[in-house]
Amino acid sequence: MMNEVNLLEKIDILETKIMALLELVNTLRKQHEELTVKYKEKEEEVHGLKQEMEYLLGEKELVKEKVAHLIKCVEAF
């Protein structure tokens, strides 16, 4: 009888630990999903910033060319 009680207590402890692990797994899955969404958002943000940077670098080159042209015009004057 004492062995049966001890065995039942051990089974209860195992069940409690398993339930706690299942809760932890569910929590980690939710966190993973949230982080995946945030990661994709950041990837899109980085992509947008790269495009903006390329555009601004192109504008910078145009401005440099215009300034160089203006300097030549002033020097020729």
N, C-alpha and C. Protein backbone atom coordinates (compact mmCIF):
# COMPACT_ATOMS: atom_id res chain seq x y z
N MET A 1 0.83 -1.19 0.00
CA MET A 1 0.00 0.00 0.00
C MET A 1 0.87 1.25 0.00
N MET A 2 1.94 1.24 0.80
CA MET A 2 2.83 2.40 0.89
C MET A 2 3.52 2.64 -0.45
N ASN A 3 3.87 1.55 -1.13
CA ASN A 3 4.50 1.67 -2.44
C ASN A 3 3.55 2.28 -3.45
N GLU A 4 2.28 1.90 -3.38
CA GLU A 4 1.28 2.44 -4.30
C GLU A 4 1.11 3.95 -4.10
N VAL A 5 1.08 4.39 -2.84
CA VAL A 5 0.94 5.82 -2.54
C VAL A 5 2.16 6.57 -3.04
N ASN A 6 3.33 6.02 -2.78
CA ASN A 6 4.57 6.65 -3.22
C ASN A 6 4.60 6.75 -4.75
N LEU A 7 4.15 5.68 -5.40
CA LEU A 7 4.12 5.67 -6.86
C LEU A 7 3.13 6.71 -7.38
N LEU A 8 1.97 6.82 -6.75
CA LEU A 8 0.97 7.81 -7.16
C LEU A 8 1.49 9.23 -6.96
N GLU A 9 2.22 9.44 -5.87
CA GLU A 9 2.80 10.77 -5.63
C GLU A 9 3.82 11.11 -6.72
N LYS A 10 4.62 10.12 -7.10
CA LYS A 10 5.61 10.34 -8.15
C LYS A 10 4.93 10.64 -9.49
N ILE A 11 3.84 9.92 -9.75
CA ILE A 11 3.09 10.15 -10.99
C ILE A 11 2.48 11.55 -10.97
N ASP A 12 1.96 11.97 -9.82
CA ASP A 12 1.41 13.33 -9.70
C ASP A 12 2.48 14.38 -9.94
N ILE A 13 3.66 14.15 -9.39
CA ILE A 13 4.77 15.09 -9.58
C ILE A 13 5.14 15.16 -11.06
N LEU A 14 5.24 13.99 -11.69
CA LEU A 14 5.56 13.95 -13.12
C LEU A 14 4.49 14.66 -13.94
N GLU A 15 3.23 14.43 -13.60
CA GLU A 15 2.14 15.08 -14.32
C GLU A 15 2.23 16.60 -14.17
N THR A 16 2.52 17.07 -12.98
CA THR A 16 2.67 18.51 -12.73
C THR A 16 3.81 19.08 -13.56
N LYS A 17 4.92 18.36 -13.59
CA LYS A 17 6.07 18.83 -14.37
C LYS A 17 5.76 18.83 -15.86
N ILE A 18 5.07 17.81 -16.34
CA ILE A 18 4.70 17.75 -17.75
C ILE A 18 3.77 18.90 -18.10
N MET A 19 2.80 19.18 -17.25
CA MET A 19 1.87 20.29 -17.51
C MET A 19 2.62 21.62 -17.55
N ALA A 20 3.56 21.78 -16.63
CA ALA A 20 4.36 23.01 -16.61
C ALA A 20 5.18 23.13 -17.90
N LEU A 21 5.74 22.02 -18.36
CA LEU A 21 6.51 22.04 -19.60
C LEU A 21 5.63 22.37 -20.80
N LEU A 22 4.42 21.83 -20.82
CA LEU A 22 3.50 22.13 -21.92
C LEU A 22 3.14 23.61 -21.94
N GLU A 23 2.92 24.18 -20.77
CA GLU A 23 2.65 25.61 -20.70
C GLU A 23 3.84 26.41 -21.20
N LEU A 24 5.03 25.99 -20.81
CA LEU A 24 6.24 26.67 -21.26
C LEU A 24 6.39 26.58 -22.78
N VAL A 25 6.12 25.41 -23.34
CA VAL A 25 6.19 25.23 -24.80
C VAL A 25 5.20 26.16 -25.49
N ASN A 26 3.98 26.25 -24.97
CA ASN A 26 2.98 27.14 -25.57
C ASN A 26 3.42 28.60 -25.49
N THR A 27 3.96 28.98 -24.36
CA THR A 27 4.45 30.36 -24.18
C THR A 27 5.58 30.64 -25.17
N LEU A 28 6.50 29.72 -25.28
CA LEU A 28 7.63 29.90 -26.21
C LEU A 28 7.16 29.94 -27.66
N ARG A 29 6.15 29.16 -28.01
CA ARG A 29 5.61 29.20 -29.37
C ARG A 29 5.01 30.57 -29.67
N LYS A 30 4.25 31.09 -28.72
CA LYS A 30 3.64 32.41 -28.91
C LYS A 30 4.73 33.48 -29.06
N GLN A 31 5.75 33.41 -28.20
CA GLN A 31 6.85 34.37 -28.29
C GLN A 31 7.56 34.26 -29.64
N HIS A 32 7.75 33.03 -30.10
CA HIS A 32 8.40 32.80 -31.38
C HIS A 32 7.58 33.43 -32.50
N GLU A 33 6.28 33.23 -32.48
CA GLU A 33 5.42 33.81 -33.51
C GLU A 33 5.51 35.34 -33.48
N GLU A 34 5.46 35.92 -32.28
CA GLU A 34 5.54 37.38 -32.15
C GLU A 34 6.87 37.90 -32.67
N LEU A 35 7.95 37.22 -32.30
CA LEU A 35 9.27 37.65 -32.75
C LEU A 35 9.45 37.48 -34.25
N THR A 36 8.84 36.44 -34.81
CA THR A 36 8.91 36.23 -36.26
C THR A 36 8.23 37.39 -36.98
N VAL A 37 7.07 37.81 -36.47
CA VAL A 37 6.36 38.94 -37.07
C VAL A 37 7.21 40.21 -36.97
N LYS A 38 7.78 40.45 -35.79
CA LYS A 38 8.62 41.64 -35.61
C LYS A 38 9.83 41.60 -36.53
N TYR A 39 10.42 40.42 -36.68
CA TYR A 39 11.59 40.26 -37.55
C TYR A 39 11.24 40.61 -38.99
N LYS A 40 10.09 40.10 -39.45
CA LYS A 40 9.67 40.40 -40.83
C LYS A 40 9.41 41.89 -41.00
N GLU A 41 8.81 42.51 -39.99
CA GLU A 41 8.58 43.96 -40.06
C GLU A 41 9.90 44.71 -40.16
N LYS A 42 10.87 44.30 -39.38
CA LYS A 42 12.18 44.97 -39.40
C LYS A 42 12.88 44.73 -40.73
N GLU A 43 12.74 43.52 -41.29
CA GLU A 43 13.33 43.26 -42.61
C GLU A 43 12.75 44.20 -43.65
N GLU A 44 11.43 44.40 -43.60
CA GLU A 44 10.78 45.32 -44.54
C GLU A 44 11.27 46.75 -44.32
N GLU A 45 11.43 47.12 -43.05
CA GLU A 45 11.92 48.46 -42.73
C GLU A 45 13.34 48.66 -43.28
N VAL A 46 14.18 47.66 -43.10
CA VAL A 46 15.56 47.74 -43.61
C VAL A 46 15.54 47.85 -45.13
N HIS A 47 14.70 47.07 -45.78
CA HIS A 47 14.59 47.13 -47.24
C HIS A 47 14.19 48.54 -47.69
N GLY A 48 13.19 49.11 -47.01
CA GLY A 48 12.75 50.47 -47.34
C GLY A 48 13.85 51.49 -47.13
N LEU A 49 14.61 51.34 -46.04
CA LEU A 49 15.69 52.28 -45.76
C LEU A 49 16.81 52.15 -46.79
N LYS A 50 17.08 50.93 -47.24
CA LYS A 50 18.10 50.74 -48.29
C LYS A 50 17.67 51.43 -49.57
N GLN A 51 16.39 51.28 -49.93
CA GLN A 51 15.89 51.94 -51.13
C GLN A 51 15.99 53.46 -51.00
N GLU A 52 15.63 53.96 -49.82
CA GLU A 52 15.70 55.41 -49.60
C GLU A 52 17.15 55.89 -49.69
N MET A 53 18.07 55.11 -49.13
CA MET A 53 19.48 55.48 -49.17
C MET A 53 19.99 55.52 -50.62
N GLU A 54 19.60 54.53 -51.42
CA GLU A 54 20.01 54.52 -52.82
C GLU A 54 19.47 55.75 -53.54
N TYR A 55 18.23 56.10 -53.27
CA TYR A 55 17.63 57.28 -53.88
C TYR A 55 18.39 58.54 -53.48
N LEU A 56 18.69 58.66 -52.18
CA LEU A 56 19.39 59.85 -51.69
C LEU A 56 20.81 59.93 -52.24
N LEU A 57 21.46 58.78 -52.38
CA LEU A 57 22.81 58.79 -52.97
C LEU A 57 22.74 59.25 -54.43
N GLY A 58 21.71 58.83 -55.14
CA GLY A 58 21.52 59.30 -56.51
C GLY A 58 21.30 60.80 -56.56
N GLU A 59 20.49 61.31 -55.65
CA GLU A 59 20.25 62.76 -55.57
C GLU A 59 21.54 63.50 -55.25
N LYS A 60 22.33 62.92 -54.37
CA LYS A 60 23.60 63.55 -53.99
C LYS A 60 24.49 63.70 -55.21
N GLU A 61 24.54 62.67 -56.04
CA GLU A 61 25.36 62.74 -57.26
C GLU A 61 24.85 63.83 -58.20
N LEU A 62 23.52 63.93 -58.33
CA LEU A 62 22.96 64.98 -59.18
C LEU A 62 23.33 66.37 -58.66
N VAL A 63 23.24 66.54 -57.36
CA VAL A 63 23.59 67.84 -56.76
C VAL A 63 25.06 68.14 -56.99
N LYS A 64 25.93 67.13 -56.83
CA LYS A 64 27.37 67.34 -57.06
C LYS A 64 27.62 67.78 -58.50
N GLU A 65 26.92 67.12 -59.43
CA GLU A 65 27.10 67.47 -60.84
C GLU A 65 26.63 68.91 -61.11
N LYS A 66 25.50 69.29 -60.54
CA LYS A 66 24.98 70.64 -60.74
C LYS A 66 25.92 71.69 -60.14
N VAL A 67 26.44 71.40 -58.94
CA VAL A 67 27.36 72.33 -58.29
C VAL A 67 28.64 72.45 -59.12
N ALA A 68 29.14 71.33 -59.61
CA ALA A 68 30.35 71.36 -60.44
C ALA A 68 30.09 72.19 -61.70
N HIS A 69 28.91 72.03 -62.30
CA HIS A 69 28.55 72.81 -63.48
C HIS A 69 28.47 74.30 -63.15
N LEU A 70 27.85 74.62 -62.00
CA LEU A 70 27.75 76.03 -61.58
C LEU A 70 29.12 76.64 -61.33
N ILE A 71 30.02 75.86 -60.73
CA ILE A 71 31.38 76.36 -60.48
C ILE A 71 32.08 76.66 -61.81
N LYS A 72 31.91 75.77 -62.78
CA LYS A 72 32.51 76.00 -64.11
C LYS A 72 31.94 77.28 -64.76
N CYS A 73 30.61 77.45 -64.60
CA CYS A 73 29.98 78.64 -65.15
C CYS A 73 30.52 79.90 -64.51
N VAL A 74 30.69 79.89 -63.17
CA VAL A 74 31.20 81.06 -62.45
C VAL A 74 32.65 81.31 -62.85
N GLU A 75 33.45 80.25 -62.97
CA GLU A 75 34.85 80.40 -63.36
C GLU A 75 34.96 80.97 -64.78
N ALA A 76 34.06 80.55 -65.65
CA ALA A 76 34.09 81.02 -67.03
C ALA A 76 33.62 82.48 -67.13
N PHE A 77 32.86 82.90 -66.17
CA PHE A 77 32.32 84.27 -66.17
C PHE A 77 33.43 85.19 -65.83
